[in-house]
N, C-alpha and C. Protein backbone atom coordinates (compact mmCIF):
# COMPACT_ATOMS: atom_id res chain seq x y z
N MET A 1 0.96 -0.94 -0.03
CA MET A 1 -0.25 0.29 -0.09
C MET A 1 0.97 1.12 0.33
N ILE A 2 2.22 0.91 0.47
CA ILE A 2 2.88 2.24 0.54
C ILE A 2 3.57 2.41 -0.68
N VAL A 3 3.53 1.45 -1.26
CA VAL A 3 4.62 1.75 -2.53
C VAL A 3 3.49 2.55 -3.64
N TYR A 4 2.20 1.87 -3.81
CA TYR A 4 1.17 2.87 -4.38
C TYR A 4 0.95 4.19 -4.04
N THR A 5 1.07 4.24 -3.15
CA THR A 5 0.82 5.95 -2.19
C THR A 5 1.98 6.99 -2.81
N ALA A 6 3.24 6.06 -2.46
CA ALA A 6 4.47 6.77 -2.89
C ALA A 6 4.59 6.71 -4.65
N MET A 7 4.01 6.08 -5.45
CA MET A 7 4.03 6.38 -6.83
C MET A 7 3.14 7.60 -7.24
N ALA A 8 1.70 7.09 -6.64
CA ALA A 8 0.88 8.59 -6.90
C ALA A 8 1.56 10.31 -6.70
N VAL A 9 2.19 10.08 -5.21
CA VAL A 9 2.76 11.11 -4.96
C VAL A 9 3.96 11.44 -6.05
N GLY A 10 4.83 10.93 -5.87
CA GLY A 10 5.83 11.11 -7.34
C GLY A 10 5.41 11.38 -8.42
N ALA A 11 4.31 10.56 -9.22
CA ALA A 11 4.33 11.37 -10.63
C ALA A 11 3.43 12.48 -10.15
N LEU A 12 2.75 12.75 -9.27
CA LEU A 12 2.15 14.03 -8.84
C LEU A 12 3.18 15.46 -8.58
N PHE A 13 3.66 14.88 -8.47
CA PHE A 13 5.08 15.80 -7.80
C PHE A 13 5.85 16.56 -8.99
N GLY A 14 6.31 14.98 -9.57
CA GLY A 14 7.19 14.84 -11.24
C GLY A 14 6.00 15.98 -11.55
N GLY A 15 5.08 15.89 -12.48
CA GLY A 15 4.10 16.81 -13.21
C GLY A 15 3.96 18.13 -12.85
N LEU A 16 4.14 18.15 -11.18
CA LEU A 16 3.78 19.55 -11.10
C LEU A 16 5.49 20.85 -11.46
N ARG A 17 6.45 19.88 -10.78
CA ARG A 17 7.58 20.28 -11.10
C ARG A 17 7.78 20.75 -12.39
N ALA A 18 7.56 19.74 -13.49
CA ALA A 18 8.23 20.11 -14.77
C ALA A 18 6.84 21.39 -15.25
N ARG A 19 5.39 21.39 -14.75
CA ARG A 19 4.38 22.34 -14.84
C ARG A 19 5.24 23.46 -14.92
N ARG A 20 6.42 23.37 -13.78
CA ARG A 20 6.62 25.08 -12.83
C ARG A 20 7.52 25.61 -13.87
N ARG A 21 8.34 24.61 -14.41
CA ARG A 21 9.82 24.77 -15.27
C ARG A 21 8.90 24.97 -16.55
N ARG A 22 7.90 24.87 -16.91
CA ARG A 22 7.26 25.19 -18.32
C ARG A 22 7.51 24.56 -19.23
N GLY A 23 7.71 23.27 -18.76
CA GLY A 23 7.79 21.98 -19.71
C GLY A 23 6.99 21.97 -20.46
N THR A 24 6.96 20.94 -21.93
CA THR A 24 6.11 20.61 -22.86
C THR A 24 5.46 19.05 -22.18
N GLY A 25 4.41 18.91 -23.00
CA GLY A 25 3.71 17.72 -22.57
C GLY A 25 4.33 16.48 -22.44
N LEU A 26 5.50 16.51 -23.17
CA LEU A 26 6.39 15.24 -23.44
C LEU A 26 7.26 15.36 -22.07
N ASP A 27 7.79 16.55 -22.06
CA ASP A 27 8.50 17.14 -20.76
C ASP A 27 8.02 16.45 -19.13
N ILE A 28 6.54 16.66 -19.00
CA ILE A 28 5.88 16.85 -17.86
C ILE A 28 5.86 15.14 -17.69
N ALA A 29 5.48 14.39 -18.91
CA ALA A 29 5.44 13.06 -18.67
C ALA A 29 6.57 12.39 -18.40
N GLN A 30 7.59 12.93 -18.79
CA GLN A 30 8.61 12.09 -18.49
C GLN A 30 9.14 12.41 -17.14
N TYR A 31 9.37 13.58 -16.55
CA TYR A 31 9.29 14.15 -15.36
C TYR A 31 8.40 13.21 -14.24
N ALA A 32 7.11 12.86 -14.73
CA ALA A 32 6.28 12.37 -13.68
C ALA A 32 6.51 10.70 -13.83
N ALA A 33 7.10 10.35 -14.96
CA ALA A 33 7.41 8.88 -14.83
C ALA A 33 8.63 8.80 -14.08
N VAL A 34 9.91 9.59 -14.52
CA VAL A 34 11.20 9.59 -13.54
C VAL A 34 10.67 9.51 -11.59
N TYR A 35 10.45 10.39 -11.26
CA TYR A 35 9.81 10.76 -10.41
C TYR A 35 8.49 9.31 -9.38
N LEU A 36 7.89 9.11 -10.58
CA LEU A 36 6.96 7.58 -9.87
C LEU A 36 7.57 6.52 -9.76
N ILE A 37 8.73 6.17 -10.68
CA ILE A 37 9.96 5.30 -10.49
C ILE A 37 10.73 5.56 -9.26
N LEU A 38 10.92 6.63 -8.84
CA LEU A 38 12.27 6.80 -7.85
C LEU A 38 11.10 6.64 -6.29
N PHE A 39 10.21 7.85 -6.64
CA PHE A 39 9.03 7.40 -5.36
C PHE A 39 8.60 5.68 -5.09
N GLY A 40 8.52 5.04 -5.99
CA GLY A 40 8.08 4.01 -5.92
C GLY A 40 9.25 2.58 -5.40
N VAL A 41 10.85 2.85 -5.60
CA VAL A 41 11.96 2.18 -5.12
C VAL A 41 11.96 2.74 -3.89
N LEU A 42 11.93 4.18 -3.47
CA LEU A 42 11.66 4.41 -2.24
C LEU A 42 10.70 3.98 -0.87
N GLY A 43 9.50 3.99 -1.76
CA GLY A 43 8.32 3.13 -0.78
C GLY A 43 8.37 1.89 -0.97
N MET A 44 9.17 1.06 -1.63
CA MET A 44 8.90 -0.23 -1.75
C MET A 44 10.22 -0.55 -0.38
N PHE A 45 11.48 0.39 0.06
CA PHE A 45 11.95 0.13 0.63
C PHE A 45 11.88 0.11 2.10
N ALA A 46 10.82 0.96 2.07
CA ALA A 46 10.36 1.83 3.58
C ALA A 46 9.10 0.53 3.52
N THR A 47 8.85 -0.12 2.90
CA THR A 47 7.68 -1.54 3.32
C THR A 47 8.48 -2.16 3.74
N ILE A 48 9.74 -2.59 3.04
CA ILE A 48 10.40 -4.06 3.46
C ILE A 48 10.95 -3.49 4.84
N ILE A 49 11.49 -2.24 5.46
CA ILE A 49 12.08 -1.99 6.76
C ILE A 49 10.92 -1.92 7.55
N LEU A 50 9.72 -1.39 7.37
CA LEU A 50 8.53 -1.81 8.28
C LEU A 50 8.41 -3.22 8.41
N ASP A 51 8.32 -3.81 7.58
CA ASP A 51 8.13 -5.32 7.67
C ASP A 51 8.83 -5.81 8.36
N ARG A 52 10.33 -5.58 8.55
CA ARG A 52 11.17 -6.02 9.15
C ARG A 52 11.27 -5.80 10.58
N MET A 53 10.32 -4.65 11.22
CA MET A 53 10.81 -3.98 12.56
C MET A 53 9.44 -4.89 13.37
N ILE A 54 8.36 -4.86 12.57
CA ILE A 54 7.22 -5.36 12.93
C ILE A 54 7.10 -6.88 13.32
């Protein structure tokens, strides 16, 4: 559950960041995809760490 939430937040954050920099549609999509992957990996690590602690 943490992974999916992190991916959604990452895509939103990346898209907004590219829009703030006045990027084209493809720039916005690329930023959203990169941040989606990055936040997804971080969310996966967070899930593993929390699972090991409990």
